[in-house]
Amino acid sequence: MGKITIFVVLFLLVGAYLIKTSYDLNYKKDEDRTTFVWEFARWVLQIGGNVKNAVGYMIAMDWFPEGPNNETNSS
């Protein structure tokens, strides 16, 4: 398993633990399990949206240095 995969799994486990403790959920109750699944899914979708926005922002940035031949005409 790669280091990135281990990091992602640990990140998701920490997030799941934080959701469980912040909502004070008991996995023995059906309604608490349902709440956990919905909140975890909502959190993962929010992460996906944040990653999409960050990647879009990074793509739109100008990554090349400006040189004498790369300057824009300001007139």
C-alpha atoms as a PDB file:
ATOM      1  CA  MET A   1       0.000   0.000   0.000  1.00  0.00           C
ATOM      2  CA  GLY A   2       1.303   3.410  -0.907  1.00  0.00           C
ATOM      3  CA  LYS A   3       1.916   6.195   1.562  1.00  0.00           C
ATOM      4  CA  ILE A   4      -0.828   8.302   0.012  1.00  0.00           C
ATOM      5  CA  THR A   5      -3.373   5.500   0.437  1.00  0.00           C
ATOM      6  CA  ILE A   6      -2.399   5.090   4.083  1.00  0.00           C
ATOM      7  CA  PHE A   7      -2.732   8.857   4.610  1.00  0.00           C
ATOM      8  CA  VAL A   8      -6.185   8.928   2.976  1.00  0.00           C
ATOM      9  CA  VAL A   9      -7.431   5.977   5.055  1.00  0.00           C
ATOM     10  CA  LEU A  10      -6.122   7.545   8.277  1.00  0.00           C
ATOM     11  CA  PHE A  11      -7.680  10.894   7.328  1.00  0.00           C
ATOM     12  CA  LEU A  12     -11.068   9.239   6.741  1.00  0.00           C
ATOM     13  CA  LEU A  13     -10.839   7.277  10.003  1.00  0.00           C
ATOM     14  CA  VAL A  14     -10.052  10.429  11.985  1.00  0.00           C
ATOM     15  CA  GLY A  15     -12.972  12.188  10.300  1.00  0.00           C
ATOM     16  CA  ALA A  16     -15.292   9.277  11.101  1.00  0.00           C
ATOM     17  CA  TYR A  17     -14.171   9.347  14.720  1.00  0.00           C
ATOM     18  CA  LEU A  18     -14.764  13.110  14.947  1.00  0.00           C
ATOM     19  CA  ILE A  19     -18.260  12.735  13.486  1.00  0.00           C
ATOM     20  CA  LYS A  20     -19.083   9.934  15.927  1.00  0.00           C
ATOM     21  CA  THR A  21     -17.876  11.870  18.955  1.00  0.00           C
ATOM     22  CA  SER A  22     -19.276  15.270  17.977  1.00  0.00           C
ATOM     23  CA  TYR A  23     -22.769  13.840  17.410  1.00  0.00           C
ATOM     24  CA  ASP A  24     -22.415  11.487  20.418  1.00  0.00           C
ATOM     25  CA  LEU A  25     -23.594   8.543  18.314  1.00  0.00           C
ATOM     26  CA  ASN A  26     -24.235   5.012  19.555  1.00  0.00           C
ATOM     27  CA  TYR A  27     -23.715   2.476  16.775  1.00  0.00           C
ATOM     28  CA  LYS A  28     -26.146   0.055  18.457  1.00  0.00           C
ATOM     29  CA  LYS A  29     -29.081   2.308  17.499  1.00  0.00           C
ATOM     30  CA  ASP A  30     -30.365   2.231  13.923  1.00  0.00           C
ATOM     31  CA  GLU A  31     -31.075   5.966  13.834  1.00  0.00           C
ATOM     32  CA  ASP A  32     -27.537   6.785  15.027  1.00  0.00           C
ATOM     33  CA  ARG A  33     -26.008   4.538  12.360  1.00  0.00           C
ATOM     34  CA  THR A  34     -28.147   6.273   9.730  1.00  0.00           C
ATOM     35  CA  THR A  35     -27.087   9.685  11.050  1.00  0.00           C
ATOM     36  CA  PHE A  36     -23.444   8.629  10.910  1.00  0.00           C
ATOM     37  CA  VAL A  37     -23.694   7.402   7.308  1.00  0.00           C
ATOM     38  CA  TRP A  38     -25.418  10.592   6.135  1.00  0.00           C
ATOM     39  CA  GLU A  39     -23.014  12.900   7.967  1.00  0.00           C
ATOM     40  CA  PHE A  40     -19.951  10.951   6.782  1.00  0.00           C
ATOM     41  CA  ALA A  41     -21.209  10.999   3.183  1.00  0.00           C
ATOM     42  CA  ARG A  42     -21.941  14.735   3.405  1.00  0.00           C
ATOM     43  CA  TRP A  43     -18.435  15.344   4.774  1.00  0.00           C
ATOM     44  CA  VAL A  44     -16.766  13.260   2.033  1.00  0.00           C
ATOM     45  CA  LEU A  45     -18.758  15.107  -0.659  1.00  0.00           C
ATOM     46  CA  GLN A  46     -17.724  18.426   0.895  1.00  0.00           C
ATOM     47  CA  ILE A  47     -14.082  17.328   0.745  1.00  0.00           C
ATOM     48  CA  GLY A  48     -14.551  16.398  -2.916  1.00  0.00           C
ATOM     49  CA  GLY A  49     -15.983  19.844  -3.661  1.00  0.00           C
ATOM     50  CA  ASN A  50     -13.112  21.533  -1.835  1.00  0.00           C
ATOM     51  CA  VAL A  51     -10.548  19.491  -3.775  1.00  0.00           C
ATOM     52  CA  LYS A  52     -12.312  20.362  -7.050  1.00  0.00           C
ATOM     53  CA  ASN A  53     -12.237  24.077  -6.194  1.00  0.00           C
ATOM     54  CA  ALA A  54      -8.586  23.949  -5.137  1.00  0.00           C
ATOM     55  CA  VAL A  55      -7.531  22.123  -8.303  1.00  0.00           C
ATOM     56  CA  GLY A  56      -9.520  24.574 -10.445  1.00  0.00           C
ATOM     57  CA  TYR A  57      -7.812  27.478  -8.721  1.00  0.00           C
ATOM     58  CA  MET A  58      -4.370  25.923  -9.191  1.00  0.00           C
ATOM     59  CA  ILE A  59      -5.020  25.281 -12.888  1.00  0.00           C
ATOM     60  CA  ALA A  60      -6.059  28.905 -13.424  1.00  0.00           C
ATOM     61  CA  MET A  61      -2.860  30.264 -11.853  1.00  0.00           C
ATOM     62  CA  ASP A  62       0.008  31.513 -13.975  1.00  0.00           C
ATOM     63  CA  TRP A  63       2.836  29.077 -13.261  1.00  0.00           C
ATOM     64  CA  PHE A  64       5.428  30.371 -15.736  1.00  0.00           C
ATOM     65  CA  PRO A  65       7.945  33.052 -14.816  1.00  0.00           C
ATOM     66  CA  GLU A  66       7.712  36.358 -16.595  1.00  0.00           C
ATOM     67  CA  GLY A  67      10.667  37.112 -18.762  1.00  0.00           C
ATOM     68  CA  PRO A  68      11.497  39.744 -21.365  1.00  0.00           C
ATOM     69  CA  ASN A  69       9.707  37.729 -24.079  1.00  0.00           C
ATOM     70  CA  ASN A  70       6.782  36.773 -21.835  1.00  0.00           C
ATOM     71  CA  GLU A  71       5.566  40.224 -20.782  1.00  0.00           C
ATOM     72  CA  THR A  72       2.149  41.520 -21.758  1.00  0.00           C
ATOM     73  CA  ASN A  73       1.742  44.799 -23.614  1.00  0.00           C
ATOM     74  CA  SER A  74       0.303  47.382 -21.189  1.00  0.00           C
ATOM     75  CA  SER A  75      -0.500  50.033 -23.799  1.00  0.00           C
END
